[in-house]
Amino acid sequence: MASKVKKKQNLQGLTEQQKHIIKLRNELNKPDPHQVKAFTLYKIITYVFNVLFPPYALYRIWCKKSEFTKIERYAQSVVAVTILCMFVLLQLERYKII
């Protein structure tokens, strides 16, 4: 089995400019903490509920522990409201009320 071995960088014998370049490279290679992850388990379950049962999806989108950003909340809310409206319109048409 292969295993990754991290090399410990020896900064002795390097100029200040080289040390600064190494420091900047390490900062650039760090993962972005503000990156939006679209497909977490919580969000996938909410997407499914958005189609199957929109009221509960709206609850999951707007509850305090939600992982959605502000823009995602508005977009998913529009999708849920649109699905609810289409369902109501289809039911009204089915019973020939419209």
PDB file of N, CA and C in Angstrom:
ATOM      1  N   MET A   1       0.831  -1.175   0.000  1.00  0.00           N
ATOM      2  CA  MET A   1       0.000   0.000   0.000  1.00  0.00           C
ATOM      3  C   MET A   1       0.874   1.237   0.000  1.00  0.00           C
ATOM      4  N   ALA A   2       0.532   2.127  -0.844  1.00  0.00           N
ATOM      5  CA  ALA A   2       1.285   3.373  -0.912  1.00  0.00           C
ATOM      6  C   ALA A   2       0.701   4.360   0.090  1.00  0.00           C
ATOM      7  N   SER A   3       1.552   5.087   0.692  1.00  0.00           N
ATOM      8  CA  SER A   3       1.082   6.113   1.612  1.00  0.00           C
ATOM      9  C   SER A   3       1.797   7.416   1.286  1.00  0.00           C
ATOM     10  N   LYS A   4       1.070   8.483   1.503  1.00  0.00           N
ATOM     11  CA  LYS A   4       1.655   9.786   1.232  1.00  0.00           C
ATOM     12  C   LYS A   4       2.529  10.188   2.409  1.00  0.00           C
ATOM     13  N   VAL A   5       3.695  10.640   2.089  1.00  0.00           N
ATOM     14  CA  VAL A   5       4.599  11.137   3.114  1.00  0.00           C
ATOM     15  C   VAL A   5       4.790  12.613   2.846  1.00  0.00           C
ATOM     16  N   LYS A   6       4.458  13.409   3.848  1.00  0.00           N
ATOM     17  CA  LYS A   6       4.625  14.842   3.678  1.00  0.00           C
ATOM     18  C   LYS A   6       6.076  15.208   3.931  1.00  0.00           C
ATOM     19  N   LYS A   7       6.610  15.953   2.993  1.00  0.00           N
ATOM     20  CA  LYS A   7       7.978  16.422   3.153  1.00  0.00           C
ATOM     21  C   LYS A   7       7.981  17.640   4.061  1.00  0.00           C
ATOM     22  N   LYS A   8       8.837  17.609   5.010  1.00  0.00           N
ATOM     23  CA  LYS A   8       8.992  18.766   5.853  1.00  0.00           C
ATOM     24  C   LYS A   8      10.007  19.672   5.178  1.00  0.00           C
ATOM     25  N   GLN A   9       9.582  20.892   4.917  1.00  0.00           N
ATOM     26  CA  GLN A   9      10.467  21.792   4.196  1.00  0.00           C
ATOM     27  C   GLN A   9      11.529  22.356   5.128  1.00  0.00           C
ATOM     28  N   ASN A  10      12.727  22.314   4.644  1.00  0.00           N
ATOM     29  CA  ASN A  10      13.841  22.877   5.380  1.00  0.00           C
ATOM     30  C   ASN A  10      14.059  24.287   4.852  1.00  0.00           C
ATOM     31  N   LEU A  11      13.768  25.267   5.686  1.00  0.00           N
ATOM     32  CA  LEU A  11      13.865  26.654   5.251  1.00  0.00           C
ATOM     33  C   LEU A  11      15.254  27.245   5.482  1.00  0.00           C
ATOM     34  N   GLN A  12      16.158  26.443   6.007  1.00  0.00           N
ATOM     35  CA  GLN A  12      17.513  26.955   6.217  1.00  0.00           C
ATOM     36  C   GLN A  12      18.224  27.050   4.879  1.00  0.00           C
ATOM     37  N   GLY A  13      18.952  28.098   4.698  1.00  0.00           N
ATOM     38  CA  GLY A  13      19.713  28.278   3.473  1.00  0.00           C
ATOM     39  C   GLY A  13      18.915  28.939   2.366  1.00  0.00           C
ATOM     40  N   LEU A  14      17.692  29.350   2.660  1.00  0.00           N
ATOM     41  CA  LEU A  14      16.881  30.032   1.658  1.00  0.00           C
ATOM     42  C   LEU A  14      16.903  31.532   1.912  1.00  0.00           C
ATOM     43  N   THR A  15      16.772  32.285   0.844  1.00  0.00           N
ATOM     44  CA  THR A  15      16.720  33.740   0.999  1.00  0.00           C
ATOM     45  C   THR A  15      15.339  34.127   1.517  1.00  0.00           C
ATOM     46  N   GLU A  16      15.212  35.359   1.950  1.00  0.00           N
ATOM     47  CA  GLU A  16      13.930  35.847   2.453  1.00  0.00           C
ATOM     48  C   GLU A  16      12.866  35.809   1.356  1.00  0.00           C
ATOM     49  N   GLN A  17      13.269  36.118   0.126  1.00  0.00           N
ATOM     50  CA  GLN A  17      12.325  36.100  -0.985  1.00  0.00           C
ATOM     51  C   GLN A  17      11.812  34.677  -1.234  1.00  0.00           C
ATOM     52  N   GLN A  18      12.678  33.694  -1.167  1.00  0.00           N
ATOM     53  CA  GLN A  18      12.265  32.307  -1.365  1.00  0.00           C
ATOM     54  C   GLN A  18      11.335  31.843  -0.238  1.00  0.00           C
ATOM     55  N   LYS A  19      11.650  32.257   0.997  1.00  0.00           N
ATOM     56  CA  LYS A  19      10.778  31.916   2.126  1.00  0.00           C
ATOM     57  C   LYS A  19       9.395  32.538   1.949  1.00  0.00           C
ATOM     58  N   HIS A  20       9.392  33.788   1.465  1.00  0.00           N
ATOM     59  CA  HIS A  20       8.131  34.481   1.245  1.00  0.00           C
ATOM     60  C   HIS A  20       7.320  33.789   0.142  1.00  0.00           C
ATOM     61  N   ILE A  21       7.982  33.344  -0.911  1.00  0.00           N
ATOM     62  CA  ILE A  21       7.310  32.640  -2.005  1.00  0.00           C
ATOM     63  C   ILE A  21       6.710  31.329  -1.499  1.00  0.00           C
ATOM     64  N   ILE A  22       7.446  30.602  -0.674  1.00  0.00           N
ATOM     65  CA  ILE A  22       6.941  29.343  -0.106  1.00  0.00           C
ATOM     66  C   ILE A  22       5.726  29.611   0.779  1.00  0.00           C
ATOM     67  N   LYS A  23       5.799  30.676   1.576  1.00  0.00           N
ATOM     68  CA  LYS A  23       4.685  31.031   2.448  1.00  0.00           C
ATOM     69  C   LYS A  23       3.444  31.380   1.618  1.00  0.00           C
ATOM     70  N   LEU A  24       3.615  32.175   0.561  1.00  0.00           N
ATOM     71  CA  LEU A  24       2.489  32.543  -0.295  1.00  0.00           C
ATOM     72  C   LEU A  24       1.912  31.324  -1.014  1.00  0.00           C
ATOM     73  N   ARG A  25       2.774  30.435  -1.469  1.00  0.00           N
ATOM     74  CA  ARG A  25       2.318  29.222  -2.151  1.00  0.00           C
ATOM     75  C   ARG A  25       1.477  28.364  -1.207  1.00  0.00           C
ATOM     76  N   ASN A  26       1.925  28.241   0.040  1.00  0.00           N
ATOM     77  CA  ASN A  26       1.165  27.460   1.022  1.00  0.00           C
ATOM     78  C   ASN A  26      -0.198  28.089   1.305  1.00  0.00           C
ATOM     79  N   GLU A  27      -0.246  29.424   1.371  1.00  0.00           N
ATOM     80  CA  GLU A  27      -1.519  30.106   1.601  1.00  0.00           C
ATOM     81  C   GLU A  27      -2.472  29.911   0.427  1.00  0.00           C
ATOM     82  N   LEU A  28      -1.941  29.955  -0.795  1.00  0.00           N
ATOM     83  CA  LEU A  28      -2.785  29.786  -1.978  1.00  0.00           C
ATOM     84  C   LEU A  28      -3.303  28.362  -2.121  1.00  0.00           C
ATOM     85  N   ASN A  29      -2.560  27.391  -1.640  1.00  0.00           N
ATOM     86  CA  ASN A  29      -2.951  25.991  -1.789  1.00  0.00           C
ATOM     87  C   ASN A  29      -3.900  25.505  -0.699  1.00  0.00           C
ATOM     88  N   LYS A  30      -4.176  26.334   0.309  1.00  0.00           N
ATOM     89  CA  LYS A  30      -5.119  25.950   1.361  1.00  0.00           C
ATOM     90  C   LYS A  30      -6.523  25.846   0.775  1.00  0.00           C
ATOM     91  N   PRO A  31      -7.350  24.941   1.296  1.00  0.00           N
ATOM     92  CA  PRO A  31      -8.740  24.878   0.817  1.00  0.00           C
ATOM     93  C   PRO A  31      -9.504  26.135   1.236  1.00  0.00           C
ATOM     94  N   ASP A  32     -10.419  26.567   0.382  1.00  0.00           N
ATOM     95  CA  ASP A  32     -11.198  27.774   0.634  1.00  0.00           C
ATOM     96  C   ASP A  32     -12.288  27.481   1.667  1.00  0.00           C
ATOM     97  N   PRO A  33     -12.260  28.169   2.821  1.00  0.00           N
ATOM     98  CA  PRO A  33     -13.278  27.893   3.842  1.00  0.00           C
ATOM     99  C   PRO A  33     -14.658  28.434   3.466  1.00  0.00           C
ATOM    100  N   HIS A  34     -14.728  29.370   2.519  1.00  0.00           N
ATOM    101  CA  HIS A  34     -15.996  29.982   2.131  1.00  0.00           C
ATOM    102  C   HIS A  34     -16.601  29.342   0.887  1.00  0.00           C
ATOM    103  N   GLN A  35     -16.043  28.247   0.435  1.00  0.00           N
ATOM    104  CA  GLN A  35     -16.539  27.580  -0.761  1.00  0.00           C
ATOM    105  C   GLN A  35     -17.917  26.977  -0.480  1.00  0.00           C
ATOM    106  N   VAL A  36     -18.849  27.211  -1.393  1.00  0.00           N
ATOM    107  CA  VAL A  36     -20.206  26.692  -1.246  1.00  0.00           C
ATOM    108  C   VAL A  36     -20.244  25.269  -1.786  1.00  0.00           C
ATOM    109  N   LYS A  37     -20.695  24.354  -0.953  1.00  0.00           N
ATOM    110  CA  LYS A  37     -20.827  22.955  -1.370  1.00  0.00           C
ATOM    111  C   LYS A  37     -22.295  22.701  -1.687  1.00  0.00           C
ATOM    112  N   ALA A  38     -22.576  22.415  -2.950  1.00  0.00           N
ATOM    113  CA  ALA A  38     -23.967  22.281  -3.395  1.00  0.00           C
ATOM    114  C   ALA A  38     -24.571  20.928  -3.061  1.00  0.00           C
ATOM    115  N   PHE A  39     -23.761  19.908  -2.874  1.00  0.00           N
ATOM    116  CA  PHE A  39     -24.308  18.567  -2.728  1.00  0.00           C
ATOM    117  C   PHE A  39     -23.905  17.914  -1.413  1.00  0.00           C
ATOM    118  N   THR A  40     -24.222  18.569  -0.309  1.00  0.00           N
ATOM    119  CA  THR A  40     -24.075  17.913   0.984  1.00  0.00           C
ATOM    120  C   THR A  40     -25.312  17.040   1.204  1.00  0.00           C
ATOM    121  N   LEU A  41     -25.241  16.126   2.140  1.00  0.00           N
ATOM    122  CA  LEU A  41     -26.365  15.222   2.400  1.00  0.00           C
ATOM    123  C   LEU A  41     -27.615  16.009   2.795  1.00  0.00           C
ATOM    124  N   TYR A  42     -27.453  17.033   3.621  1.00  0.00           N
ATOM    125  CA  TYR A  42     -28.578  17.859   4.063  1.00  0.00           C
ATOM    126  C   TYR A  42     -29.262  18.517   2.866  1.00  0.00           C
ATOM    127  N   LYS A  43     -28.459  19.057   1.948  1.00  0.00           N
ATOM    128  CA  LYS A  43     -29.028  19.746   0.789  1.00  0.00           C
ATOM    129  C   LYS A  43     -29.689  18.777  -0.183  1.00  0.00           C
ATOM    130  N   ILE A  44     -29.107  17.608  -0.373  1.00  0.00           N
ATOM    131  CA  ILE A  44     -29.699  16.624  -1.283  1.00  0.00           C
ATOM    132  C   ILE A  44     -31.071  16.187  -0.769  1.00  0.00           C
ATOM    133  N   ILE A  45     -31.175  15.942   0.530  1.00  0.00           N
ATOM    134  CA  ILE A  45     -32.466  15.567   1.114  1.00  0.00           C
ATOM    135  C   ILE A  45     -33.471  16.704   0.938  1.00  0.00           C
ATOM    136  N   THR A  46     -33.021  17.936   1.106  1.00  0.00           N
ATOM    137  CA  THR A  46     -33.909  19.081   0.929  1.00  0.00           C
ATOM    138  C   THR A  46     -34.360  19.212  -0.520  1.00  0.00           C
ATOM    139  N   TYR A  47     -33.463  18.948  -1.482  1.00  0.00           N
ATOM    140  CA  TYR A  47     -33.843  18.996  -2.898  1.00  0.00           C
ATOM    141  C   TYR A  47     -34.940  17.972  -3.191  1.00  0.00           C
ATOM    142  N   VAL A  48     -34.823  16.786  -2.611  1.00  0.00           N
ATOM    143  CA  VAL A  48     -35.841  15.751  -2.821  1.00  0.00           C
ATOM    144  C   VAL A  48     -37.177  16.198  -2.229  1.00  0.00           C
ATOM    145  N   PHE A  49     -37.136  16.739  -1.016  1.00  0.00           N
ATOM    146  CA  PHE A  49     -38.371  17.226  -0.398  1.00  0.00           C
ATOM    147  C   PHE A  49     -38.948  18.413  -1.161  1.00  0.00           C
ATOM    148  N   ASN A  50     -38.096  19.167  -1.825  1.00  0.00           N
ATOM    149  CA  ASN A  50     -38.574  20.309  -2.605  1.00  0.00           C
ATOM    150  C   ASN A  50     -39.518  19.853  -3.711  1.00  0.00           C
ATOM    151  N   VAL A  51     -39.298  18.670  -4.244  1.00  0.00           N
ATOM    152  CA  VAL A  51     -40.165  18.129  -5.292  1.00  0.00           C
ATOM    153  C   VAL A  51     -41.340  17.360  -4.684  1.00  0.00           C
ATOM    154  N   LEU A  52     -41.079  16.558  -3.655  1.00  0.00           N
ATOM    155  CA  LEU A  52     -42.115  15.683  -3.104  1.00  0.00           C
ATOM    156  C   LEU A  52     -43.055  16.384  -2.123  1.00  0.00           C
ATOM    157  N   PHE A  53     -42.522  17.236  -1.271  1.00  0.00           N
ATOM    158  CA  PHE A  53     -43.327  17.892  -0.237  1.00  0.00           C
ATOM    159  C   PHE A  53     -42.753  19.284   0.040  1.00  0.00           C
ATOM    160  N   PRO A  54     -43.108  20.267  -0.798  1.00  0.00           N
ATOM    161  CA  PRO A  54     -42.515  21.607  -0.703  1.00  0.00           C
ATOM    162  C   PRO A  54     -42.656  22.320   0.644  1.00  0.00           C
ATOM    163  N   PRO A  55     -43.764  22.176   1.401  1.00  0.00           N
ATOM    164  CA  PRO A  55     -43.811  22.880   2.690  1.00  0.00           C
ATOM    165  C   PRO A  55     -42.681  22.465   3.647  1.00  0.00           C
ATOM    166  N   TYR A  56     -42.403  21.174   3.701  1.00  0.00           N
ATOM    167  CA  TYR A  56     -41.311  20.719   4.570  1.00  0.00           C
ATOM    168  C   TYR A  56     -39.960  21.184   4.028  1.00  0.00           C
ATOM    169  N   ALA A  57     -39.846  21.242   2.708  1.00  0.00           N
ATOM    170  CA  ALA A  57     -38.605  21.744   2.109  1.00  0.00           C
ATOM    171  C   ALA A  57     -38.388  23.202   2.500  1.00  0.00           C
ATOM    172  N   LEU A  58     -39.458  23.992   2.485  1.00  0.00           N
ATOM    173  CA  LEU A  58     -39.330  25.394   2.901  1.00  0.00           C
ATOM    174  C   LEU A  58     -38.887  25.495   4.359  1.00  0.00           C
ATOM    175  N   TYR A  59     -39.409  24.614   5.198  1.00  0.00           N
ATOM    176  CA  TYR A  59     -38.969  24.599   6.595  1.00  0.00           C
ATOM    177  C   TYR A  59     -37.474  24.286   6.683  1.00  0.00           C
ATOM    178  N   ARG A  60     -37.031  23.262   5.947  1.00  0.00           N
ATOM    179  CA  ARG A  60     -35.615  22.877   5.983  1.00  0.00           C
ATOM    180  C   ARG A  60     -34.726  23.983   5.425  1.00  0.00           C
ATOM    181  N   ILE A  61     -35.219  24.703   4.431  1.00  0.00           N
ATOM    182  CA  ILE A  61     -34.429  25.769   3.821  1.00  0.00           C
ATOM    183  C   ILE A  61     -34.265  26.942   4.784  1.00  0.00           C
ATOM    184  N   TRP A  62     -35.320  27.303   5.492  1.00  0.00           N
ATOM    185  CA  TRP A  62     -35.295  28.517   6.306  1.00  0.00           C
ATOM    186  C   TRP A  62     -35.033  28.283   7.793  1.00  0.00           C
ATOM    187  N   CYS A  63     -34.855  27.034   8.242  1.00  0.00           N
ATOM    188  CA  CYS A  63     -34.566  26.822   9.666  1.00  0.00           C
ATOM    189  C   CYS A  63     -33.157  27.328   9.995  1.00  0.00           C
ATOM    190  N   LYS A  64     -32.891  27.518  11.261  1.00  0.00           N
ATOM    191  CA  LYS A  64     -31.631  28.139  11.687  1.00  0.00           C
ATOM    192  C   LYS A  64     -30.409  27.290  11.394  1.00  0.00           C
ATOM    193  N   LYS A  65     -30.547  25.971  11.434  1.00  0.00           N
ATOM    194  CA  LYS A  65     -29.381  25.111  11.215  1.00  0.00           C
ATOM    195  C   LYS A  65     -29.150  24.794   9.736  1.00  0.00           C
ATOM    196  N   SER A  66     -29.854  25.489   8.871  1.00  0.00           N
ATOM    197  CA  SER A  66     -29.765  25.246   7.434  1.00  0.00           C
ATOM    198  C   SER A  66     -28.372  25.579   6.903  1.00  0.00           C
ATOM    199  N   GLU A  67     -27.918  24.785   5.921  1.00  0.00           N
ATOM    200  CA  GLU A  67     -26.604  24.993   5.310  1.00  0.00           C
ATOM    201  C   GLU A  67     -26.684  25.870   4.065  1.00  0.00           C
ATOM    202  N   PHE A  68     -27.875  26.341   3.723  1.00  0.00           N
ATOM    203  CA  PHE A  68     -28.054  27.127   2.513  1.00  0.00           C
ATOM    204  C   PHE A  68     -27.595  28.568   2.722  1.00  0.00           C
ATOM    205  N   THR A  69     -26.988  29.141   1.678  1.00  0.00           N
ATOM    206  CA  THR A  69     -26.636  30.559   1.723  1.00  0.00           C
ATOM    207  C   THR A  69     -27.894  31.369   1.427  1.00  0.00           C
ATOM    208  N   LYS A  70     -27.786  32.680   1.572  1.00  0.00           N
ATOM    209  CA  LYS A  70     -28.943  33.545   1.372  1.00  0.00           C
ATOM    210  C   LYS A  70     -29.494  33.428  -0.052  1.00  0.00           C
ATOM    211  N   ILE A  71     -28.622  33.437  -1.037  1.00  0.00           N
ATOM    212  CA  ILE A  71     -29.051  33.344  -2.434  1.00  0.00           C
ATOM    213  C   ILE A  71     -29.686  31.979  -2.704  1.00  0.00           C
ATOM    214  N   GLU A  72     -29.083  30.913  -2.152  1.00  0.00           N
ATOM    215  CA  GLU A  72     -29.650  29.571  -2.329  1.00  0.00           C
ATOM    216  C   GLU A  72     -31.027  29.471  -1.674  1.00  0.00           C
ATOM    217  N   ARG A  73     -31.190  30.126  -0.535  1.00  0.00           N
ATOM    218  CA  ARG A  73     -32.492  30.100   0.142  1.00  0.00           C
ATOM    219  C   ARG A  73     -33.570  30.727  -0.729  1.00  0.00           C
ATOM    220  N   TYR A  74     -33.256  31.882  -1.309  1.00  0.00           N
ATOM    221  CA  TYR A  74     -34.239  32.542  -2.167  1.00  0.00           C
ATOM    222  C   TYR A  74     -34.542  31.699  -3.404  1.00  0.00           C
ATOM    223  N   ALA A  75     -33.522  31.146  -4.019  1.00  0.00           N
ATOM    224  CA  ALA A  75     -33.726  30.344  -5.231  1.00  0.00           C
ATOM    225  C   ALA A  75     -34.551  29.094  -4.930  1.00  0.00           C
ATOM    226  N   GLN A  76     -34.217  28.378  -3.862  1.00  0.00           N
ATOM    227  CA  GLN A  76     -34.962  27.169  -3.515  1.00  0.00           C
ATOM    228  C   GLN A  76     -36.387  27.502  -3.073  1.00  0.00           C
ATOM    229  N   SER A  77     -36.572  28.660  -2.449  1.00  0.00           N
ATOM    230  CA  SER A  77     -37.925  29.076  -2.071  1.00  0.00           C
ATOM    231  C   SER A  77     -38.772  29.345  -3.304  1.00  0.00           C
ATOM    232  N   VAL A  78     -38.190  29.981  -4.305  1.00  0.00           N
ATOM    233  CA  VAL A  78     -38.917  30.236  -5.552  1.00  0.00           C
ATOM    234  C   VAL A  78     -39.300  28.915  -6.215  1.00  0.00           C
ATOM    235  N   VAL A  79     -38.389  27.960  -6.214  1.00  0.00           N
ATOM    236  CA  VAL A  79     -38.686  26.646  -6.797  1.00  0.00           C
ATOM    237  C   VAL A  79     -39.832  25.977  -6.035  1.00  0.00           C
ATOM    238  N   ALA A  80     -39.788  26.006  -4.719  1.00  0.00           N
ATOM    239  CA  ALA A  80     -40.832  25.359  -3.914  1.00  0.00           C
ATOM    240  C   ALA A  80     -42.184  26.034  -4.118  1.00  0.00           C
ATOM    241  N   VAL A  81     -42.209  27.358  -4.145  1.00  0.00           N
ATOM    242  CA  VAL A  81     -43.468  28.080  -4.342  1.00  0.00           C
ATOM    243  C   VAL A  81     -44.018  27.811  -5.744  1.00  0.00           C
ATOM    244  N   THR A  82     -43.145  27.746  -6.733  1.00  0.00           N
ATOM    245  CA  THR A  82     -43.581  27.435  -8.098  1.00  0.00           C
ATOM    246  C   THR A  82     -44.192  26.038  -8.172  1.00  0.00           C
ATOM    247  N   ILE A  83     -43.565  25.077  -7.523  1.00  0.00           N
ATOM    248  CA  ILE A  83     -44.105  23.712  -7.511  1.00  0.00           C
ATOM    249  C   ILE A  83     -45.465  23.681  -6.816  1.00  0.00           C
ATOM    250  N   LEU A  84     -45.599  24.399  -5.705  1.00  0.00           N
ATOM    251  CA  LEU A  84     -46.888  24.453  -5.007  1.00  0.00           C
ATOM    252  C   LEU A  84     -47.966  25.095  -5.880  1.00  0.00           C
ATOM    253  N   CYS A  85     -47.625  26.185  -6.550  1.00  0.00           N
ATOM    254  CA  CYS A  85     -48.595  26.862  -7.426  1.00  0.00           C
ATOM    255  C   CYS A  85     -49.020  25.955  -8.577  1.00  0.00           C
ATOM    256  N   MET A  86     -48.073  25.275  -9.171  1.00  0.00           N
ATOM    257  CA  MET A  86     -48.409  24.367 -10.270  1.00  0.00           C
ATOM    258  C   MET A  86     -49.318  23.234  -9.777  1.00  0.00           C
ATOM    259  N   PHE A  87     -49.048  22.719  -8.589  1.00  0.00           N
ATOM    260  CA  PHE A  87     -49.889  21.663  -8.029  1.00  0.00           C
ATOM    261  C   PHE A  87     -51.320  22.161  -7.821  1.00  0.00           C
ATOM    262  N   VAL A  88     -51.452  23.359  -7.255  1.00  0.00           N
ATOM    263  CA  VAL A  88     -52.784  23.923  -7.019  1.00  0.00           C
ATOM    264  C   VAL A  88     -53.498  24.163  -8.344  1.00  0.00           C
ATOM    265  N   LEU A  89     -52.799  24.731  -9.321  1.00  0.00           N
ATOM    266  CA  LEU A  89     -53.421  24.983 -10.625  1.00  0.00           C
ATOM    267  C   LEU A  89     -53.854  23.685 -11.303  1.00  0.00           C
ATOM    268  N   LEU A  90     -53.036  22.657 -11.213  1.00  0.00           N
ATOM    269  CA  LEU A  90     -53.411  21.370 -11.803  1.00  0.00           C
ATOM    270  C   LEU A  90     -54.634  20.772 -11.113  1.00  0.00           C
ATOM    271  N   GLN A  91     -54.727  20.925  -9.803  1.00  0.00           N
ATOM    272  CA  GLN A  91     -55.894  20.408  -9.083  1.00  0.00           C
ATOM    273  C   GLN A  91     -57.151  21.193  -9.437  1.00  0.00           C
ATOM    274  N   LEU A  92     -57.017  22.510  -9.575  1.00  0.00           N
ATOM    275  CA  LEU A  92     -58.171  23.325  -9.955  1.00  0.00           C
ATOM    276  C   LEU A  92     -58.640  22.982 -11.366  1.00  0.00           C
ATOM    277  N   GLU A  93     -57.700  22.752 -12.244  1.00  0.00           N
ATOM    278  CA  GLU A  93     -58.044  22.379 -13.617  1.00  0.00           C
ATOM    279  C   GLU A  93     -58.677  20.990 -13.659  1.00  0.00           C
ATOM    280  N   ARG A  94     -58.197  20.121 -12.832  1.00  0.00           N
ATOM    281  CA  ARG A  94     -58.716  18.745 -12.786  1.00  0.00           C
ATOM    282  C   ARG A  94     -60.192  18.726 -12.386  1.00  0.00           C
ATOM    283  N   TYR A  95     -60.530  19.566 -11.423  1.00  0.00           N
ATOM    284  CA  TYR A  95     -61.916  19.629 -10.970  1.00  0.00           C
ATOM    285  C   TYR A  95     -62.722  20.681 -11.723  1.00  0.00           C
ATOM    286  N   LYS A  96     -62.158  21.213 -12.783  1.00  0.00           N
ATOM    287  CA  LYS A  96     -62.812  22.163 -13.691  1.00  0.00           C
ATOM    288  C   LYS A  96     -63.333  23.394 -12.955  1.00  0.00           C
ATOM    289  N   ILE A  97     -62.539  23.873 -12.028  1.00  0.00           N
ATOM    290  CA  ILE A  97     -62.883  25.099 -11.309  1.00  0.00           C
ATOM    291  C   ILE A  97     -62.391  26.310 -12.102  1.00  0.00           C
ATOM    292  N   ILE A  98     -61.326  26.137 -12.810  1.00  0.00           N
ATOM    293  CA  ILE A  98     -60.788  27.239 -13.623  1.00  0.00           C
ATOM    294  C   ILE A  98     -61.358  27.133 -15.010  1.00  0.00           C
TER     295      ILE A  98
END
